[in-house]
Amino acid sequence: MARVSQAHALAQLLTQQLPGCKISFDLDDCDRILRVEGNGCPPELVIELVQENGFFCQVLEE
């Protein structure tokens, strides 16, 4: 249950910082995939925000 609340909090933060982006998590995947879609969603900023909140993040594909 903690993962769901952490994902929800992180999604809210990302949505505030990147209002034009669609943010979603796949918590059923073993890697717990974060998807960020939309124009103006710089991967560097997403990675920085995620890492600042104590999680590992890397770009899988662009």
PDB file of N, CA and C in Angstrom:
ATOM      1  N   MET A   1       0.819  -1.210   0.000  1.00  0.00           N
ATOM      2  CA  MET A   1       0.000   0.000   0.000  1.00  0.00           C
ATOM      3  C   MET A   1       0.855   1.262   0.000  1.00  0.00           C
ATOM      4  N   ALA A   2       2.031   1.179   0.611  1.00  0.00           N
ATOM      5  CA  ALA A   2       2.910   2.349   0.662  1.00  0.00           C
ATOM      6  C   ALA A   2       3.317   2.776  -0.740  1.00  0.00           C
ATOM      7  N   ARG A   3       3.541   1.795  -1.630  1.00  0.00           N
ATOM      8  CA  ARG A   3       3.922   2.138  -3.006  1.00  0.00           C
ATOM      9  C   ARG A   3       2.856   2.976  -3.689  1.00  0.00           C
ATOM     10  N   VAL A   4       1.611   2.633  -3.460  1.00  0.00           N
ATOM     11  CA  VAL A   4       0.512   3.362  -4.101  1.00  0.00           C
ATOM     12  C   VAL A   4       0.483   4.798  -3.599  1.00  0.00           C
ATOM     13  N   SER A   5       0.625   5.005  -2.309  1.00  0.00           N
ATOM     14  CA  SER A   5       0.593   6.362  -1.770  1.00  0.00           C
ATOM     15  C   SER A   5       1.830   7.151  -2.195  1.00  0.00           C
ATOM     16  N   GLN A   6       2.986   6.497  -2.273  1.00  0.00           N
ATOM     17  CA  GLN A   6       4.194   7.171  -2.750  1.00  0.00           C
ATOM     18  C   GLN A   6       4.042   7.564  -4.219  1.00  0.00           C
ATOM     19  N   ALA A   7       3.510   6.663  -5.023  1.00  0.00           N
ATOM     20  CA  ALA A   7       3.303   6.949  -6.440  1.00  0.00           C
ATOM     21  C   ALA A   7       2.314   8.094  -6.616  1.00  0.00           C
ATOM     22  N   HIS A   8       1.260   8.095  -5.838  1.00  0.00           N
ATOM     23  CA  HIS A   8       0.251   9.156  -5.925  1.00  0.00           C
ATOM     24  C   HIS A   8       0.869  10.508  -5.563  1.00  0.00           C
ATOM     25  N   ALA A   9       1.640  10.549  -4.487  1.00  0.00           N
ATOM     26  CA  ALA A   9       2.275  11.802  -4.064  1.00  0.00           C
ATOM     27  C   ALA A   9       3.266  12.295  -5.107  1.00  0.00           C
ATOM     28  N   LEU A  10       4.052  11.385  -5.658  1.00  0.00           N
ATOM     29  CA  LEU A  10       5.027  11.769  -6.677  1.00  0.00           C
ATOM     30  C   LEU A  10       4.328  12.225  -7.955  1.00  0.00           C
ATOM     31  N   ALA A  11       3.253  11.568  -8.330  1.00  0.00           N
ATOM     32  CA  ALA A  11       2.489  11.971  -9.516  1.00  0.00           C
ATOM     33  C   ALA A  11       1.909  13.367  -9.329  1.00  0.00           C
ATOM     34  N   GLN A  12       1.419  13.673  -8.136  1.00  0.00           N
ATOM     35  CA  GLN A  12       0.885  15.008  -7.865  1.00  0.00           C
ATOM     36  C   GLN A  12       1.982  16.064  -7.989  1.00  0.00           C
ATOM     37  N   LEU A  13       3.152  15.781  -7.434  1.00  0.00           N
ATOM     38  CA  LEU A  13       4.275  16.707  -7.519  1.00  0.00           C
ATOM     39  C   LEU A  13       4.665  16.947  -8.975  1.00  0.00           C
ATOM     40  N   LEU A  14       4.794  15.871  -9.744  1.00  0.00           N
ATOM     41  CA  LEU A  14       5.179  15.999 -11.147  1.00  0.00           C
ATOM     42  C   LEU A  14       4.123  16.760 -11.938  1.00  0.00           C
ATOM     43  N   THR A  15       2.864  16.530 -11.643  1.00  0.00           N
ATOM     44  CA  THR A  15       1.781  17.227 -12.331  1.00  0.00           C
ATOM     45  C   THR A  15       1.830  18.722 -12.032  1.00  0.00           C
ATOM     46  N   GLN A  16       2.158  19.082 -10.808  1.00  0.00           N
ATOM     47  CA  GLN A  16       2.282  20.503 -10.443  1.00  0.00           C
ATOM     48  C   GLN A  16       3.456  21.153 -11.187  1.00  0.00           C
ATOM     49  N   GLN A  17       4.572  20.438 -11.269  1.00  0.00           N
ATOM     50  CA  GLN A  17       5.769  20.981 -11.896  1.00  0.00           C
ATOM     51  C   GLN A  17       5.706  20.929 -13.425  1.00  0.00           C
ATOM     52  N   LEU A  18       4.957  19.983 -13.959  1.00  0.00           N
ATOM     53  CA  LEU A  18       4.855  19.777 -15.403  1.00  0.00           C
ATOM     54  C   LEU A  18       3.379  19.696 -15.801  1.00  0.00           C
ATOM     55  N   PRO A  19       2.658  20.819 -15.709  1.00  0.00           N
ATOM     56  CA  PRO A  19       1.205  20.786 -15.906  1.00  0.00           C
ATOM     57  C   PRO A  19       0.734  20.326 -17.285  1.00  0.00           C
ATOM     58  N   GLY A  20       1.577  20.418 -18.305  1.00  0.00           N
ATOM     59  CA  GLY A  20       1.165  20.005 -19.636  1.00  0.00           C
ATOM     60  C   GLY A  20       1.451  18.544 -19.942  1.00  0.00           C
ATOM     61  N   CYS A  21       1.888  17.799 -18.939  1.00  0.00           N
ATOM     62  CA  CYS A  21       2.297  16.411 -19.152  1.00  0.00           C
ATOM     63  C   CYS A  21       1.299  15.440 -18.521  1.00  0.00           C
ATOM     64  N   LYS A  22       1.165  14.294 -19.144  1.00  0.00           N
ATOM     65  CA  LYS A  22       0.343  13.215 -18.601  1.00  0.00           C
ATOM     66  C   LYS A  22       1.278  12.296 -17.806  1.00  0.00           C
ATOM     67  N   ILE A  23       0.990  12.101 -16.531  1.00  0.00           N
ATOM     68  CA  ILE A  23       1.831  11.322 -15.621  1.00  0.00           C
ATOM     69  C   ILE A  23       1.064  10.072 -15.203  1.00  0.00           C
ATOM     70  N   SER A  24       1.710   8.910 -15.315  1.00  0.00           N
ATOM     71  CA  SER A  24       1.072   7.676 -14.838  1.00  0.00           C
ATOM     72  C   SER A  24       2.135   6.682 -14.398  1.00  0.00           C
ATOM     73  N   PHE A  25       1.735   5.785 -13.522  1.00  0.00           N
ATOM     74  CA  PHE A  25       2.611   4.729 -13.035  1.00  0.00           C
ATOM     75  C   PHE A  25       2.029   3.375 -13.406  1.00  0.00           C
ATOM     76  N   ASP A  26       2.894   2.415 -13.681  1.00  0.00           N
ATOM     77  CA  ASP A  26       2.506   1.017 -13.818  1.00  0.00           C
ATOM     78  C   ASP A  26       3.152   0.287 -12.649  1.00  0.00           C
ATOM     79  N   LEU A  27       2.424   0.205 -11.551  1.00  0.00           N
ATOM     80  CA  LEU A  27       2.960  -0.414 -10.339  1.00  0.00           C
ATOM     81  C   LEU A  27       2.908  -1.932 -10.396  1.00  0.00           C
ATOM     82  N   ASP A  28       2.212  -2.486 -11.385  1.00  0.00           N
ATOM     83  CA  ASP A  28       2.171  -3.939 -11.543  1.00  0.00           C
ATOM     84  C   ASP A  28       3.431  -4.469 -12.224  1.00  0.00           C
ATOM     85  N   ASP A  29       4.117  -3.609 -12.970  1.00  0.00           N
ATOM     86  CA  ASP A  29       5.378  -3.981 -13.610  1.00  0.00           C
ATOM     87  C   ASP A  29       6.446  -4.131 -12.527  1.00  0.00           C
ATOM     88  N   CYS A  30       7.333  -5.082 -12.678  1.00  0.00           N
ATOM     89  CA  CYS A  30       8.361  -5.314 -11.658  1.00  0.00           C
ATOM     90  C   CYS A  30       9.272  -4.102 -11.474  1.00  0.00           C
ATOM     91  N   ASP A  31       9.385  -3.256 -12.497  1.00  0.00           N
ATOM     92  CA  ASP A  31      10.223  -2.061 -12.403  1.00  0.00           C
ATOM     93  C   ASP A  31       9.443  -0.820 -11.985  1.00  0.00           C
ATOM     94  N   ARG A  32       8.133  -0.961 -11.788  1.00  0.00           N
ATOM     95  CA  ARG A  32       7.268   0.152 -11.394  1.00  0.00           C
ATOM     96  C   ARG A  32       7.517   1.368 -12.304  1.00  0.00           C
ATOM     97  N   ILE A  33       7.041   1.250 -13.505  1.00  0.00           N
ATOM     98  CA  ILE A  33       7.300   2.201 -14.582  1.00  0.00           C
ATOM     99  C   ILE A  33       6.523   3.506 -14.393  1.00  0.00           C
ATOM    100  N   LEU A  34       7.244   4.615 -14.514  1.00  0.00           N
ATOM    101  CA  LEU A  34       6.656   5.951 -14.549  1.00  0.00           C
ATOM    102  C   LEU A  34       6.609   6.371 -16.012  1.00  0.00           C
ATOM    103  N   ARG A  35       5.435   6.766 -16.472  1.00  0.00           N
ATOM    104  CA  ARG A  35       5.300   7.262 -17.843  1.00  0.00           C
ATOM    105  C   ARG A  35       4.979   8.747 -17.795  1.00  0.00           C
ATOM    106  N   VAL A  36       5.709   9.504 -18.591  1.00  0.00           N
ATOM    107  CA  VAL A  36       5.484  10.939 -18.700  1.00  0.00           C
ATOM    108  C   VAL A  36       5.330  11.236 -20.185  1.00  0.00           C
ATOM    109  N   GLU A  37       4.166  11.752 -20.552  1.00  0.00           N
ATOM    110  CA  GLU A  37       3.870  12.002 -21.964  1.00  0.00           C
ATOM    111  C   GLU A  37       3.447  13.450 -22.157  1.00  0.00           C
ATOM    112  N   GLY A  38       3.821  14.011 -23.296  1.00  0.00           N
ATOM    113  CA  GLY A  38       3.387  15.350 -23.652  1.00  0.00           C
ATOM    114  C   GLY A  38       4.547  16.207 -24.105  1.00  0.00           C
ATOM    115  N   ASN A  39       4.213  17.309 -24.714  1.00  0.00           N
ATOM    116  CA  ASN A  39       5.233  18.262 -25.152  1.00  0.00           C
ATOM    117  C   ASN A  39       5.679  19.088 -23.954  1.00  0.00           C
ATOM    118  N   GLY A  40       6.942  19.414 -23.928  1.00  0.00           N
ATOM    119  CA  GLY A  40       7.447  20.246 -22.836  1.00  0.00           C
ATOM    120  C   GLY A  40       7.664  19.488 -21.550  1.00  0.00           C
ATOM    121  N   CYS A  41       7.991  18.208 -21.648  1.00  0.00           N
ATOM    122  CA  CYS A  41       8.258  17.371 -20.474  1.00  0.00           C
ATOM    123  C   CYS A  41       9.719  16.938 -20.524  1.00  0.00           C
ATOM    124  N   PRO A  42      10.634  17.818 -20.142  1.00  0.00           N
ATOM    125  CA  PRO A  42      12.059  17.486 -20.276  1.00  0.00           C
ATOM    126  C   PRO A  42      12.463  16.319 -19.371  1.00  0.00           C
ATOM    127  N   PRO A  43      13.024  15.276 -19.963  1.00  0.00           N
ATOM    128  CA  PRO A  43      13.417  14.104 -19.163  1.00  0.00           C
ATOM    129  C   PRO A  43      14.360  14.459 -18.018  1.00  0.00           C
ATOM    130  N   GLU A  44      15.245  15.427 -18.252  1.00  0.00           N
ATOM    131  CA  GLU A  44      16.197  15.805 -17.209  1.00  0.00           C
ATOM    132  C   GLU A  44      15.478  16.330 -15.964  1.00  0.00           C
ATOM    133  N   LEU A  45      14.426  17.123 -16.172  1.00  0.00           N
ATOM    134  CA  LEU A  45      13.666  17.668 -15.048  1.00  0.00           C
ATOM    135  C   LEU A  45      12.901  16.566 -14.333  1.00  0.00           C
ATOM    136  N   VAL A  46      12.303  15.659 -15.095  1.00  0.00           N
ATOM    137  CA  VAL A  46      11.572  14.534 -14.489  1.00  0.00           C
ATOM    138  C   VAL A  46      12.532  13.711 -13.623  1.00  0.00           C
ATOM    139  N   ILE A  47      13.685  13.384 -14.162  1.00  0.00           N
ATOM    140  CA  ILE A  47      14.669  12.595 -13.415  1.00  0.00           C
ATOM    141  C   ILE A  47      15.092  13.330 -12.146  1.00  0.00           C
ATOM    142  N   GLU A  48      15.368  14.605 -12.274  1.00  0.00           N
ATOM    143  CA  GLU A  48      15.789  15.400 -11.110  1.00  0.00           C
ATOM    144  C   GLU A  48      14.715  15.394 -10.025  1.00  0.00           C
ATOM    145  N   LEU A  49      13.471  15.634 -10.396  1.00  0.00           N
ATOM    146  CA  LEU A  49      12.388  15.670  -9.416  1.00  0.00           C
ATOM    147  C   LEU A  49      12.197  14.314  -8.740  1.00  0.00           C
ATOM    148  N   VAL A  50      12.262  13.254  -9.517  1.00  0.00           N
ATOM    149  CA  VAL A  50      12.094  11.909  -8.966  1.00  0.00           C
ATOM    150  C   VAL A  50      13.237  11.583  -8.007  1.00  0.00           C
ATOM    151  N   GLN A  51      14.461  11.884  -8.423  1.00  0.00           N
ATOM    152  CA  GLN A  51      15.617  11.583  -7.577  1.00  0.00           C
ATOM    153  C   GLN A  51      15.629  12.435  -6.313  1.00  0.00           C
ATOM    154  N   GLU A  52      15.189  13.679  -6.398  1.00  0.00           N
ATOM    155  CA  GLU A  52      15.101  14.536  -5.215  1.00  0.00           C
ATOM    156  C   GLU A  52      14.139  13.964  -4.174  1.00  0.00           C
ATOM    157  N   ASN A  53      13.234  13.112  -4.625  1.00  0.00           N
ATOM    158  CA  ASN A  53      12.262  12.497  -3.722  1.00  0.00           C
ATOM    159  C   ASN A  53      12.654  11.079  -3.327  1.00  0.00           C
ATOM    160  N   GLY A  54      13.908  10.716  -3.594  1.00  0.00           N
ATOM    161  CA  GLY A  54      14.457   9.470  -3.089  1.00  0.00           C
ATOM    162  C   GLY A  54      14.254   8.236  -3.946  1.00  0.00           C
ATOM    163  N   PHE A  55      13.947   8.431  -5.231  1.00  0.00           N
ATOM    164  CA  PHE A  55      13.713   7.294  -6.116  1.00  0.00           C
ATOM    165  C   PHE A  55      14.688   7.323  -7.286  1.00  0.00           C
ATOM    166  N   PHE A  56      14.942   6.161  -7.829  1.00  0.00           N
ATOM    167  CA  PHE A  56      15.797   6.028  -9.013  1.00  0.00           C
ATOM    168  C   PHE A  56      14.935   6.233 -10.253  1.00  0.00           C
ATOM    169  N   CYS A  57      15.500   6.909 -11.249  1.00  0.00           N
ATOM    170  CA  CYS A  57      14.768   7.167 -12.477  1.00  0.00           C
ATOM    171  C   CYS A  57      15.738   7.236 -13.644  1.00  0.00           C
ATOM    172  N   GLN A  58      15.352   6.620 -14.772  1.00  0.00           N
ATOM    173  CA  GLN A  58      16.143   6.727 -15.995  1.00  0.00           C
ATOM    174  C   GLN A  58      15.200   6.661 -17.174  1.00  0.00           C
ATOM    175  N   VAL A  59      15.636   7.215 -18.289  1.00  0.00           N
ATOM    176  CA  VAL A  59      14.842   7.204 -19.520  1.00  0.00           C
ATOM    177  C   VAL A  59      14.964   5.817 -20.149  1.00  0.00           C
ATOM    178  N   LEU A  60      13.828   5.209 -20.455  1.00  0.00           N
ATOM    179  CA  LEU A  60      13.825   3.914 -21.127  1.00  0.00           C
ATOM    180  C   LEU A  60      13.784   4.092 -22.640  1.00  0.00           C
ATOM    181  N   GLU A  61      13.012   5.058 -23.100  1.00  0.00           N
ATOM    182  CA  GLU A  61      12.955   5.374 -24.537  1.00  0.00           C
ATOM    183  C   GLU A  61      12.383   6.770 -24.686  1.00  0.00           C
ATOM    184  N   GLU A  62      12.722   7.398 -25.778  1.00  0.00           N
ATOM    185  CA  GLU A  62      12.203   8.748 -26.034  1.00  0.00           C
ATOM    186  C   GLU A  62      11.356   8.745 -27.263  1.00  0.00           C
TER     187      GLU A  62
END
